Amino acid sequence: MTMDLLSRHCQPLGEDALPLEGEALDHYTEAIPDRWKVVDGHHLEGTFEFENFVEALEFTNAAGEVAEEENHHPEITVTWGRATVRIWTHDIDGLSENDFILAARIDARAR
């Protein structure tokens, strides 16, 4: 990662906050692992592969703990051997720094 997102925590956004786009979005995208993709400039999506359903479920619970710690909650879909995480900032209907912080923290917990 080019910036240390793990040293940061999610913060409330100001009323004038706008979604990240252009070079700012690219800068944050470069700071997270390649498993994460920006989808339609709107949200992050990361897929995590596991040996079985139980491991995917354990990951989901760990990701939920991170979300609670950061007070920023993703959408998580669990299937056999896989969990897909989608993250965006609902207040701005797009991506903010918080989304990238959460992605980095979830990714770190998955290791």
PDB file of N, CA and C in Angstrom:
ATOM      1  N   MET A   1       0.835  -1.177   0.000  1.00  0.00           N
ATOM      2  CA  MET A   1       0.000   0.000   0.000  1.00  0.00           C
ATOM      3  C   MET A   1       0.880   1.240   0.000  1.00  0.00           C
ATOM      4  N   THR A   2       0.522   2.216  -0.778  1.00  0.00           N
ATOM      5  CA  THR A   2       1.316   3.421  -0.874  1.00  0.00           C
ATOM      6  C   THR A   2       1.056   4.391   0.271  1.00  0.00           C
ATOM      7  N   MET A   3      -0.112   4.333   0.871  1.00  0.00           N
ATOM      8  CA  MET A   3      -0.381   5.150   2.054  1.00  0.00           C
ATOM      9  C   MET A   3      -0.788   4.209   3.179  1.00  0.00           C
ATOM     10  N   ASP A   4      -0.584   4.643   4.396  1.00  0.00           N
ATOM     11  CA  ASP A   4      -0.856   3.782   5.533  1.00  0.00           C
ATOM     12  C   ASP A   4      -2.287   3.954   6.015  1.00  0.00           C
ATOM     13  N   LEU A   5      -3.203   3.271   5.375  1.00  0.00           N
ATOM     14  CA  LEU A   5      -4.612   3.342   5.763  1.00  0.00           C
ATOM     15  C   LEU A   5      -4.872   2.660   7.100  1.00  0.00           C
ATOM     16  N   LEU A   6      -4.017   1.705   7.467  1.00  0.00           N
ATOM     17  CA  LEU A   6      -4.226   0.981   8.718  1.00  0.00           C
ATOM     18  C   LEU A   6      -3.968   1.842   9.949  1.00  0.00           C
ATOM     19  N   SER A   7      -3.285   2.946   9.785  1.00  0.00           N
ATOM     20  CA  SER A   7      -3.043   3.839  10.922  1.00  0.00           C
ATOM     21  C   SER A   7      -4.191   4.835  11.107  1.00  0.00           C
ATOM     22  N   ARG A   8      -5.158   4.783  10.230  1.00  0.00           N
ATOM     23  CA  ARG A   8      -6.286   5.719  10.286  1.00  0.00           C
ATOM     24  C   ARG A   8      -7.560   5.000  10.735  1.00  0.00           C
ATOM     25  N   HIS A   9      -8.522   5.788  11.147  1.00  0.00           N
ATOM     26  CA  HIS A   9      -9.836   5.267  11.523  1.00  0.00           C
ATOM     27  C   HIS A   9     -10.912   6.066  10.804  1.00  0.00           C
ATOM     28  N   CYS A  10     -12.042   5.428  10.579  1.00  0.00           N
ATOM     29  CA  CYS A  10     -13.164   6.087   9.917  1.00  0.00           C
ATOM     30  C   CYS A  10     -13.642   7.270  10.762  1.00  0.00           C
ATOM     31  N   GLN A  11     -13.943   8.364  10.074  1.00  0.00           N
ATOM     32  CA  GLN A  11     -14.388   9.591  10.725  1.00  0.00           C
ATOM     33  C   GLN A  11     -15.701  10.060  10.100  1.00  0.00           C
ATOM     34  N   PRO A  12     -16.539  10.733  10.881  1.00  0.00           N
ATOM     35  CA  PRO A  12     -17.759  11.300  10.297  1.00  0.00           C
ATOM     36  C   PRO A  12     -17.398  12.296   9.199  1.00  0.00           C
ATOM     37  N   LEU A  13     -18.212  12.330   8.161  1.00  0.00           N
ATOM     38  CA  LEU A  13     -17.986  13.260   7.060  1.00  0.00           C
ATOM     39  C   LEU A  13     -18.723  14.568   7.332  1.00  0.00           C
ATOM     40  N   GLY A  14     -18.163  15.639   6.811  1.00  0.00           N
ATOM     41  CA  GLY A  14     -18.839  16.924   6.912  1.00  0.00           C
ATOM     42  C   GLY A  14     -20.035  16.976   5.972  1.00  0.00           C
ATOM     43  N   GLU A  15     -20.917  17.918   6.214  1.00  0.00           N
ATOM     44  CA  GLU A  15     -22.116  18.044   5.387  1.00  0.00           C
ATOM     45  C   GLU A  15     -21.805  18.359   3.932  1.00  0.00           C
ATOM     46  N   ASP A  16     -20.644  18.942   3.667  1.00  0.00           N
ATOM     47  CA  ASP A  16     -20.277  19.320   2.301  1.00  0.00           C
ATOM     48  C   ASP A  16     -19.418  18.258   1.605  1.00  0.00           C
ATOM     49  N   ALA A  17     -19.299  17.075   2.196  1.00  0.00           N
ATOM     50  CA  ALA A  17     -18.460  16.002   1.632  1.00  0.00           C
ATOM     51  C   ALA A  17     -19.018  15.531   0.284  1.00  0.00           C
ATOM     52  N   LEU A  18     -18.096  15.246  -0.616  1.00  0.00           N
ATOM     53  CA  LEU A  18     -18.432  14.728  -1.947  1.00  0.00           C
ATOM     54  C   LEU A  18     -17.718  13.404  -2.157  1.00  0.00           C
ATOM     55  N   PRO A  19     -18.252  12.543  -3.013  1.00  0.00           N
ATOM     56  CA  PRO A  19     -17.567  11.282  -3.312  1.00  0.00           C
ATOM     57  C   PRO A  19     -16.201  11.521  -3.964  1.00  0.00           C
ATOM     58  N   LEU A  20     -15.270  10.622  -3.694  1.00  0.00           N
ATOM     59  CA  LEU A  20     -13.964  10.681  -4.344  1.00  0.00           C
ATOM     60  C   LEU A  20     -14.127  10.391  -5.830  1.00  0.00           C
ATOM     61  N   GLU A  21     -13.345  11.070  -6.638  1.00  0.00           N
ATOM     62  CA  GLU A  21     -13.331  10.787  -8.074  1.00  0.00           C
ATOM     63  C   GLU A  21     -11.995  11.229  -8.655  1.00  0.00           C
ATOM     64  N   GLY A  22     -11.736  10.837  -9.890  1.00  0.00           N
ATOM     65  CA  GLY A  22     -10.523  11.232 -10.592  1.00  0.00           C
ATOM     66  C   GLY A  22      -9.251  10.792  -9.900  1.00  0.00           C
ATOM     67  N   GLU A  23      -8.276  11.704  -9.855  1.00  0.00           N
ATOM     68  CA  GLU A  23      -6.968  11.391  -9.281  1.00  0.00           C
ATOM     69  C   GLU A  23      -7.059  11.040  -7.801  1.00  0.00           C
ATOM     70  N   ALA A  24      -7.951  11.684  -7.077  1.00  0.00           N
ATOM     71  CA  ALA A  24      -8.108  11.379  -5.650  1.00  0.00           C
ATOM     72  C   ALA A  24      -8.557   9.933  -5.470  1.00  0.00           C
ATOM     73  N   LEU A  25      -9.503   9.498  -6.293  1.00  0.00           N
ATOM     74  CA  LEU A  25      -9.975   8.111  -6.229  1.00  0.00           C
ATOM     75  C   LEU A  25      -8.856   7.151  -6.611  1.00  0.00           C
ATOM     76  N   ASP A  26      -8.104   7.495  -7.647  1.00  0.00           N
ATOM     77  CA  ASP A  26      -6.977   6.650  -8.072  1.00  0.00           C
ATOM     78  C   ASP A  26      -5.943   6.509  -6.960  1.00  0.00           C
ATOM     79  N   HIS A  27      -5.669   7.594  -6.259  1.00  0.00           N
ATOM     80  CA  HIS A  27      -4.677   7.595  -5.175  1.00  0.00           C
ATOM     81  C   HIS A  27      -5.074   6.596  -4.086  1.00  0.00           C
ATOM     82  N   TYR A  28      -6.328   6.605  -3.704  1.00  0.00           N
ATOM     83  CA  TYR A  28      -6.791   5.665  -2.677  1.00  0.00           C
ATOM     84  C   TYR A  28      -6.839   4.240  -3.210  1.00  0.00           C
ATOM     85  N   THR A  29      -7.241   4.077  -4.447  1.00  0.00           N
ATOM     86  CA  THR A  29      -7.324   2.735  -5.044  1.00  0.00           C
ATOM     87  C   THR A  29      -5.956   2.058  -5.047  1.00  0.00           C
ATOM     88  N   GLU A  30      -4.917   2.821  -5.294  1.00  0.00           N
ATOM     89  CA  GLU A  30      -3.556   2.276  -5.292  1.00  0.00           C
ATOM     90  C   GLU A  30      -3.110   1.848  -3.895  1.00  0.00           C
ATOM     91  N   ALA A  31      -3.800   2.313  -2.862  1.00  0.00           N
ATOM     92  CA  ALA A  31      -3.380   2.052  -1.482  1.00  0.00           C
ATOM     93  C   ALA A  31      -3.993   0.788  -0.894  1.00  0.00           C
ATOM     94  N   ILE A  32      -4.856   0.119  -1.635  1.00  0.00           N
ATOM     95  CA  ILE A  32      -5.485  -1.101  -1.120  1.00  0.00           C
ATOM     96  C   ILE A  32      -5.063  -2.293  -1.966  1.00  0.00           C
ATOM     97  N   PRO A  33      -5.127  -3.491  -1.403  1.00  0.00           N
ATOM     98  CA  PRO A  33      -4.723  -4.689  -2.152  1.00  0.00           C
ATOM     99  C   PRO A  33      -5.543  -4.879  -3.433  1.00  0.00           C
ATOM    100  N   ASP A  34      -4.942  -5.583  -4.386  1.00  0.00           N
ATOM    101  CA  ASP A  34      -5.541  -5.778  -5.710  1.00  0.00           C
ATOM    102  C   ASP A  34      -6.869  -6.525  -5.686  1.00  0.00           C
ATOM    103  N   ARG A  35      -7.168  -7.256  -4.624  1.00  0.00           N
ATOM    104  CA  ARG A  35      -8.449  -7.980  -4.566  1.00  0.00           C
ATOM    105  C   ARG A  35      -9.629  -7.013  -4.595  1.00  0.00           C
ATOM    106  N   TRP A  36      -9.399  -5.759  -4.205  1.00  0.00           N
ATOM    107  CA  TRP A  36     -10.454  -4.752  -4.158  1.00  0.00           C
ATOM    108  C   TRP A  36     -10.556  -4.037  -5.492  1.00  0.00           C
ATOM    109  N   LYS A  37     -11.760  -3.912  -5.981  1.00  0.00           N
ATOM    110  CA  LYS A  37     -12.026  -3.212  -7.242  1.00  0.00           C
ATOM    111  C   LYS A  37     -13.010  -2.085  -6.984  1.00  0.00           C
ATOM    112  N   VAL A  38     -12.814  -0.977  -7.690  1.00  0.00           N
ATOM    113  CA  VAL A  38     -13.796   0.101  -7.679  1.00  0.00           C
ATOM    114  C   VAL A  38     -14.817  -0.236  -8.752  1.00  0.00           C
ATOM    115  N   VAL A  39     -16.082  -0.300  -8.377  1.00  0.00           N
ATOM    116  CA  VAL A  39     -17.149  -0.664  -9.304  1.00  0.00           C
ATOM    117  C   VAL A  39     -17.968   0.583  -9.642  1.00  0.00           C
ATOM    118  N   ASP A  40     -17.953   0.937 -10.909  1.00  0.00           N
ATOM    119  CA  ASP A  40     -18.722   2.079 -11.420  1.00  0.00           C
ATOM    120  C   ASP A  40     -18.436   3.379 -10.673  1.00  0.00           C
ATOM    121  N   GLY A  41     -17.234   3.506 -10.116  1.00  0.00           N
ATOM    122  CA  GLY A  41     -16.882   4.712  -9.376  1.00  0.00           C
ATOM    123  C   GLY A  41     -17.727   4.910  -8.133  1.00  0.00           C
ATOM    124  N   HIS A  42     -18.516   3.896  -7.750  1.00  0.00           N
ATOM    125  CA  HIS A  42     -19.488   4.027  -6.677  1.00  0.00           C
ATOM    126  C   HIS A  42     -19.135   3.258  -5.401  1.00  0.00           C
ATOM    127  N   HIS A  43     -18.612   2.034  -5.555  1.00  0.00           N
ATOM    128  CA  HIS A  43     -18.323   1.238  -4.365  1.00  0.00           C
ATOM    129  C   HIS A  43     -17.115   0.340  -4.585  1.00  0.00           C
ATOM    130  N   LEU A  44     -16.591  -0.153  -3.479  1.00  0.00           N
ATOM    131  CA  LEU A  44     -15.497  -1.119  -3.511  1.00  0.00           C
ATOM    132  C   LEU A  44     -16.098  -2.505  -3.397  1.00  0.00           C
ATOM    133  N   GLU A  45     -15.461  -3.446  -4.076  1.00  0.00           N
ATOM    134  CA  GLU A  45     -15.874  -4.838  -3.953  1.00  0.00           C
ATOM    135  C   GLU A  45     -14.633  -5.697  -3.839  1.00  0.00           C
ATOM    136  N   GLY A  46     -14.604  -6.534  -2.817  1.00  0.00           N
ATOM    137  CA  GLY A  46     -13.494  -7.446  -2.596  1.00  0.00           C
ATOM    138  C   GLY A  46     -14.020  -8.847  -2.367  1.00  0.00           C
ATOM    139  N   THR A  47     -13.382  -9.830  -3.008  1.00  0.00           N
ATOM    140  CA  THR A  47     -13.786 -11.216  -2.850  1.00  0.00           C
ATOM    141  C   THR A  47     -12.688 -11.977  -2.124  1.00  0.00           C
ATOM    142  N   PHE A  48     -13.092 -12.722  -1.107  1.00  0.00           N
ATOM    143  CA  PHE A  48     -12.178 -13.497  -0.284  1.00  0.00           C
ATOM    144  C   PHE A  48     -12.526 -14.962  -0.454  1.00  0.00           C
ATOM    145  N   GLU A  49     -11.520 -15.789  -0.745  1.00  0.00           N
ATOM    146  CA  GLU A  49     -11.714 -17.219  -0.987  1.00  0.00           C
ATOM    147  C   GLU A  49     -11.265 -18.020   0.237  1.00  0.00           C
ATOM    148  N   PHE A  50     -12.022 -19.085   0.549  1.00  0.00           N
ATOM    149  CA  PHE A  50     -11.727 -19.927   1.702  1.00  0.00           C
ATOM    150  C   PHE A  50     -11.878 -21.389   1.332  1.00  0.00           C
ATOM    151  N   GLU A  51     -11.437 -22.270   2.219  1.00  0.00           N
ATOM    152  CA  GLU A  51     -11.497 -23.706   1.985  1.00  0.00           C
ATOM    153  C   GLU A  51     -12.900 -24.283   2.143  1.00  0.00           C
ATOM    154  N   ASN A  52     -13.762 -23.566   2.894  1.00  0.00           N
ATOM    155  CA  ASN A  52     -15.090 -24.108   3.159  1.00  0.00           C
ATOM    156  C   ASN A  52     -16.008 -22.992   3.652  1.00  0.00           C
ATOM    157  N   PHE A  53     -17.242 -23.363   3.921  1.00  0.00           N
ATOM    158  CA  PHE A  53     -18.236 -22.393   4.374  1.00  0.00           C
ATOM    159  C   PHE A  53     -17.898 -21.849   5.762  1.00  0.00           C
ATOM    160  N   VAL A  54     -17.437 -22.703   6.643  1.00  0.00           N
ATOM    161  CA  VAL A  54     -17.138 -22.276   8.020  1.00  0.00           C
ATOM    162  C   VAL A  54     -16.080 -21.179   8.024  1.00  0.00           C
ATOM    163  N   GLU A  55     -15.022 -21.331   7.227  1.00  0.00           N
ATOM    164  CA  GLU A  55     -13.982 -20.302   7.166  1.00  0.00           C
ATOM    165  C   GLU A  55     -14.541 -18.994   6.601  1.00  0.00           C
ATOM    166  N   ALA A  56     -15.397 -19.090   5.601  1.00  0.00           N
ATOM    167  CA  ALA A  56     -16.016 -17.883   5.039  1.00  0.00           C
ATOM    168  C   ALA A  56     -16.885 -17.192   6.087  1.00  0.00           C
ATOM    169  N   LEU A  57     -17.600 -17.973   6.856  1.00  0.00           N
ATOM    170  CA  LEU A  57     -18.450 -17.417   7.903  1.00  0.00           C
ATOM    171  C   LEU A  57     -17.607 -16.792   9.020  1.00  0.00           C
ATOM    172  N   GLU A  58     -16.510 -17.438   9.406  1.00  0.00           N
ATOM    173  CA  GLU A  58     -15.616 -16.871  10.417  1.00  0.00           C
ATOM    174  C   GLU A  58     -15.045 -15.534   9.946  1.00  0.00           C
ATOM    175  N   PHE A  59     -14.657 -15.479   8.670  1.00  0.00           N
ATOM    176  CA  PHE A  59     -14.169 -14.218   8.107  1.00  0.00           C
ATOM    177  C   PHE A  59     -15.260 -13.147   8.188  1.00  0.00           C
ATOM    178  N   THR A  60     -16.475 -13.527   7.835  1.00  0.00           N
ATOM    179  CA  THR A  60     -17.592 -12.584   7.852  1.00  0.00           C
ATOM    180  C   THR A  60     -17.786 -12.016   9.255  1.00  0.00           C
ATOM    181  N   ASN A  61     -17.699 -12.854  10.252  1.00  0.00           N
ATOM    182  CA  ASN A  61     -17.826 -12.386  11.635  1.00  0.00           C
ATOM    183  C   ASN A  61     -16.675 -11.457  12.004  1.00  0.00           C
ATOM    184  N   ALA A  62     -15.463 -11.777  11.561  1.00  0.00           N
ATOM    185  CA  ALA A  62     -14.308 -10.911  11.829  1.00  0.00           C
ATOM    186  C   ALA A  62     -14.470  -9.570  11.117  1.00  0.00           C
ATOM    187  N   ALA A  63     -14.937  -9.601   9.872  1.00  0.00           N
ATOM    188  CA  ALA A  63     -15.181  -8.359   9.133  1.00  0.00           C
ATOM    189  C   ALA A  63     -16.255  -7.531   9.839  1.00  0.00           C
ATOM    190  N   GLY A  64     -17.256  -8.201  10.385  1.00  0.00           N
ATOM    191  CA  GLY A  64     -18.297  -7.509  11.145  1.00  0.00           C
ATOM    192  C   GLY A  64     -17.748  -6.827  12.380  1.00  0.00           C
ATOM    193  N   GLU A  65     -16.791  -7.462  13.038  1.00  0.00           N
ATOM    194  CA  GLU A  65     -16.154  -6.842  14.202  1.00  0.00           C
ATOM    195  C   GLU A  65     -15.412  -5.570  13.800  1.00  0.00           C
ATOM    196  N   VAL A  66     -14.700  -5.648  12.678  1.00  0.00           N
ATOM    197  CA  VAL A  66     -13.986  -4.465  12.176  1.00  0.00           C
ATOM    198  C   VAL A  66     -14.991  -3.353  11.868  1.00  0.00           C
ATOM    199  N   ALA A  67     -16.076  -3.709  11.213  1.00  0.00           N
ATOM    200  CA  ALA A  67     -17.101  -2.724  10.861  1.00  0.00           C
ATOM    201  C   ALA A  67     -17.660  -2.042  12.110  1.00  0.00           C
ATOM    202  N   GLU A  68     -17.914  -2.819  13.142  1.00  0.00           N
ATOM    203  CA  GLU A  68     -18.421  -2.241  14.383  1.00  0.00           C
ATOM    204  C   GLU A  68     -17.388  -1.324  15.024  1.00  0.00           C
ATOM    205  N   GLU A  69     -16.120  -1.751  15.014  1.00  0.00           N
ATOM    206  CA  GLU A  69     -15.048  -0.915  15.576  1.00  0.00           C
ATOM    207  C   GLU A  69     -14.962   0.425  14.856  1.00  0.00           C
ATOM    208  N   GLU A  70     -15.164   0.407  13.552  1.00  0.00           N
ATOM    209  CA  GLU A  70     -15.040   1.619  12.738  1.00  0.00           C
ATOM    210  C   GLU A  70     -16.372   2.353  12.553  1.00  0.00           C
ATOM    211  N   ASN A  71     -17.467   1.758  13.018  1.00  0.00           N
ATOM    212  CA  ASN A  71     -18.809   2.322  12.833  1.00  0.00           C
ATOM    213  C   ASN A  71     -19.067   2.642  11.353  1.00  0.00           C
ATOM    214  N   HIS A  72     -18.674   1.709  10.509  1.00  0.00           N
ATOM    215  CA  HIS A  72     -18.861   1.838   9.058  1.00  0.00           C
ATOM    216  C   HIS A  72     -19.157   0.427   8.550  1.00  0.00           C
ATOM    217  N   HIS A  73     -20.316   0.221   7.999  1.00  0.00           N
ATOM    218  CA  HIS A  73     -20.819  -1.135   7.798  1.00  0.00           C
ATOM    219  C   HIS A  73     -20.968  -1.511   6.336  1.00  0.00           C
ATOM    220  N   PRO A  74     -20.300  -2.580   5.915  1.00  0.00           N
ATOM    221  CA  PRO A  74     -20.350  -3.038   4.525  1.00  0.00           C
ATOM    222  C   PRO A  74     -21.522  -3.977   4.268  1.00  0.00           C
ATOM    223  N   GLU A  75     -21.694  -4.283   3.025  1.00  0.00           N
ATOM    224  CA  GLU A  75     -22.603  -5.353   2.608  1.00  0.00           C
ATOM    225  C   GLU A  75     -21.727  -6.586   2.402  1.00  0.00           C
ATOM    226  N   ILE A  76     -22.095  -7.701   3.017  1.00  0.00           N
ATOM    227  CA  ILE A  76     -21.295  -8.926   2.901  1.00  0.00           C
ATOM    228  C   ILE A  76     -22.195 -10.063   2.442  1.00  0.00           C
ATOM    229  N   THR A  77     -21.755 -10.760   1.400  1.00  0.00           N
ATOM    230  CA  THR A  77     -22.450 -11.933   0.907  1.00  0.00           C
ATOM    231  C   THR A  77     -21.559 -13.138   1.139  1.00  0.00           C
ATOM    232  N   VAL A  78     -22.122 -14.172   1.774  1.00  0.00           N
ATOM    233  CA  VAL A  78     -21.358 -15.377   2.105  1.00  0.00           C
ATOM    234  C   VAL A  78     -21.936 -16.550   1.333  1.00  0.00           C
ATOM    235  N   THR A  79     -21.045 -17.293   0.683  1.00  0.00           N
ATOM    236  CA  THR A  79     -21.414 -18.548   0.031  1.00  0.00           C
ATOM    237  C   THR A  79     -20.349 -19.563   0.405  1.00  0.00           C
ATOM    238  N   TRP A  80     -20.488 -20.777  -0.076  1.00  0.00           N
ATOM    239  CA  TRP A  80     -19.514 -21.814   0.252  1.00  0.00           C
ATOM    240  C   TRP A  80     -18.137 -21.390  -0.245  1.00  0.00           C
ATOM    241  N   GLY A  81     -17.202 -21.222   0.688  1.00  0.00           N
ATOM    242  CA  GLY A  81     -15.812 -20.922   0.360  1.00  0.00           C
ATOM    243  C   GLY A  81     -15.542 -19.517  -0.146  1.00  0.00           C
ATOM    244  N   ARG A  82     -16.500 -18.620   0.013  1.00  0.00           N
ATOM    245  CA  ARG A  82     -16.299 -17.269  -0.518  1.00  0.00           C
ATOM    246  C   ARG A  82     -17.120 -16.257   0.271  1.00  0.00           C
ATOM    247  N   ALA A  83     -16.532 -15.084   0.443  1.00  0.00           N
ATOM    248  CA  ALA A  83     -17.255 -13.936   0.994  1.00  0.00           C
ATOM    249  C   ALA A  83     -16.942 -12.739   0.108  1.00  0.00           C
ATOM    250  N   THR A  84     -17.966 -12.031  -0.285  1.00  0.00           N
ATOM    251  CA  THR A  84     -17.802 -10.829  -1.092  1.00  0.00           C
ATOM    252  C   THR A  84     -18.242  -9.644  -0.257  1.00  0.00           C
ATOM    253  N   VAL A  85     -17.367  -8.627  -0.205  1.00  0.00           N
ATOM    254  CA  VAL A  85     -17.613  -7.441   0.612  1.00  0.00           C
ATOM    255  C   VAL A  85     -17.779  -6.242  -0.317  1.00  0.00           C
ATOM    256  N   ARG A  86     -18.855  -5.490  -0.103  1.00  0.00           N
ATOM    257  CA  ARG A  86     -19.097  -4.254  -0.848  1.00  0.00           C
ATOM    258  C   ARG A  86     -19.166  -3.103   0.154  1.00  0.00           C
ATOM    259  N   ILE A  87     -18.435  -2.037  -0.176  1.00  0.00           N
ATOM    260  CA  ILE A  87     -18.337  -0.901   0.747  1.00  0.00           C
ATOM    261  C   ILE A  87     -18.556   0.399  -0.019  1.00  0.00           C
ATOM    262  N   TRP A  88     -19.392   1.271   0.541  1.00  0.00           N
ATOM    263  CA  TRP A  88     -19.520   2.638   0.055  1.00  0.00           C
ATOM    264  C   TRP A  88     -20.085   3.481   1.185  1.00  0.00           C
ATOM    265  N   THR A  89     -19.999   4.773   1.028  1.00  0.00           N
ATOM    266  CA  THR A  89     -20.502   5.693   2.041  1.00  0.00           C
ATOM    267  C   THR A  89     -21.902   6.117   1.634  1.00  0.00           C
ATOM    268  N   HIS A  90     -22.877   5.650   2.377  1.00  0.00           N
ATOM    269  CA  HIS A  90     -24.278   5.894   2.033  1.00  0.00           C
ATOM    270  C   HIS A  90     -24.629   7.379   2.035  1.00  0.00           C
ATOM    271  N   ASP A  91     -24.059   8.138   2.964  1.00  0.00           N
ATOM    272  CA  ASP A  91     -24.400   9.562   3.072  1.00  0.00           C
ATOM    273  C   ASP A  91     -24.077  10.348   1.805  1.00  0.00           C
ATOM    274  N   ILE A  92     -23.070   9.905   1.058  1.00  0.00           N
ATOM    275  CA  ILE A  92     -22.696  10.614  -0.176  1.00  0.00           C
ATOM    276  C   ILE A  92     -22.954   9.767  -1.416  1.00  0.00           C
ATOM    277  N   ASP A  93     -23.508   8.570  -1.210  1.00  0.00           N
ATOM    278  CA  ASP A  93     -23.799   7.635  -2.288  1.00  0.00           C
ATOM    279  C   ASP A  93     -22.589   7.442  -3.205  1.00  0.00           C
ATOM    280  N   GLY A  94     -21.451   7.223  -2.577  1.00  0.00           N
ATOM    281  CA  GLY A  94     -20.216   7.014  -3.320  1.00  0.00           C
ATOM    282  C   GLY A  94     -19.094   6.669  -2.363  1.00  0.00           C
ATOM    283  N   LEU A  95     -17.878   6.859  -2.837  1.00  0.00           N
ATOM    284  CA  LEU A  95     -16.693   6.463  -2.073  1.00  0.00           C
ATOM    285  C   LEU A  95     -16.066   7.629  -1.322  1.00  0.00           C
ATOM    286  N   SER A  96     -15.651   7.345  -0.094  1.00  0.00           N
ATOM    287  CA  SER A  96     -14.913   8.304   0.724  1.00  0.00           C
ATOM    288  C   SER A  96     -13.667   7.606   1.262  1.00  0.00           C
ATOM    289  N   GLU A  97     -12.813   8.356   1.909  1.00  0.00           N
ATOM    290  CA  GLU A  97     -11.628   7.776   2.538  1.00  0.00           C
ATOM    291  C   GLU A  97     -12.024   6.653   3.492  1.00  0.00           C
ATOM    292  N   ASN A  98     -13.132   6.800   4.193  1.00  0.00           N
ATOM    293  CA  ASN A  98     -13.584   5.785   5.142  1.00  0.00           C
ATOM    294  C   ASN A  98     -13.718   4.411   4.498  1.00  0.00           C
ATOM    295  N   ASP A  99     -14.172   4.365   3.268  1.00  0.00           N
ATOM    296  CA  ASP A  99     -14.358   3.086   2.576  1.00  0.00           C
ATOM    297  C   ASP A  99     -13.029   2.378   2.362  1.00  0.00           C
ATOM    298  N   PHE A 100     -12.019   3.131   2.040  1.00  0.00           N
ATOM    299  CA  PHE A 100     -10.693   2.556   1.812  1.00  0.00           C
ATOM    300  C   PHE A 100     -10.038   2.138   3.131  1.00  0.00           C
ATOM    301  N   ILE A 101     -10.277   2.902   4.181  1.00  0.00           N
ATOM    302  CA  ILE A 101      -9.791   2.518   5.503  1.00  0.00           C
ATOM    303  C   ILE A 101     -10.424   1.193   5.920  1.00  0.00           C
ATOM    304  N   LEU A 102     -11.734   1.087   5.752  1.00  0.00           N
ATOM    305  CA  LEU A 102     -12.422  -0.143   6.128  1.00  0.00           C
ATOM    306  C   LEU A 102     -11.937  -1.316   5.284  1.00  0.00           C
ATOM    307  N   ALA A 103     -11.761  -1.118   3.993  1.00  0.00           N
ATOM    308  CA  ALA A 103     -11.263  -2.195   3.127  1.00  0.00           C
ATOM    309  C   ALA A 103      -9.887  -2.666   3.592  1.00  0.00           C
ATOM    310  N   ALA A 104      -8.999  -1.741   3.892  1.00  0.00           N
ATOM    311  CA  ALA A 104      -7.651  -2.101   4.341  1.00  0.00           C
ATOM    312  C   ALA A 104      -7.704  -2.862   5.665  1.00  0.00           C
ATOM    313  N   ARG A 105      -8.563  -2.426   6.572  1.00  0.00           N
ATOM    314  CA  ARG A 105      -8.668  -3.084   7.879  1.00  0.00           C
ATOM    315  C   ARG A 105      -9.292  -4.466   7.763  1.00  0.00           C
ATOM    316  N   ILE A 106     -10.292  -4.618   6.910  1.00  0.00           N
ATOM    317  CA  ILE A 106     -10.887  -5.940   6.693  1.00  0.00           C
ATOM    318  C   ILE A 106      -9.870  -6.865   6.045  1.00  0.00           C
ATOM    319  N   ASP A 107      -9.137  -6.371   5.071  1.00  0.00           N
ATOM    320  CA  ASP A 107      -8.131  -7.160   4.393  1.00  0.00           C
ATOM    321  C   ASP A 107      -7.058  -7.640   5.375  1.00  0.00           C
ATOM    322  N   ALA A 108      -6.631  -6.757   6.265  1.00  0.00           N
ATOM    323  CA  ALA A 108      -5.623  -7.110   7.259  1.00  0.00           C
ATOM    324  C   ALA A 108      -6.140  -8.205   8.198  1.00  0.00           C
ATOM    325  N   ARG A 109      -7.407  -8.151   8.533  1.00  0.00           N
ATOM    326  CA  ARG A 109      -8.008  -9.151   9.424  1.00  0.00           C
ATOM    327  C   ARG A 109      -8.118 -10.496   8.720  1.00  0.00           C
ATOM    328  N   ALA A 110      -8.206 -10.503   7.412  1.00  0.00           N
ATOM    329  CA  ALA A 110      -8.376 -11.748   6.654  1.00  0.00           C
ATOM    330  C   ALA A 110      -7.086 -12.553   6.581  1.00  0.00           C
ATOM    331  N   ARG A 111      -5.966 -11.940   6.815  1.00  0.00           N
ATOM    332  CA  ARG A 111      -4.674 -12.641   6.675  1.00  0.00           C
ATOM    333  C   ARG A 111      -4.457 -13.653   7.753  1.00  0.00           C
TER     334      ARG A 111
END
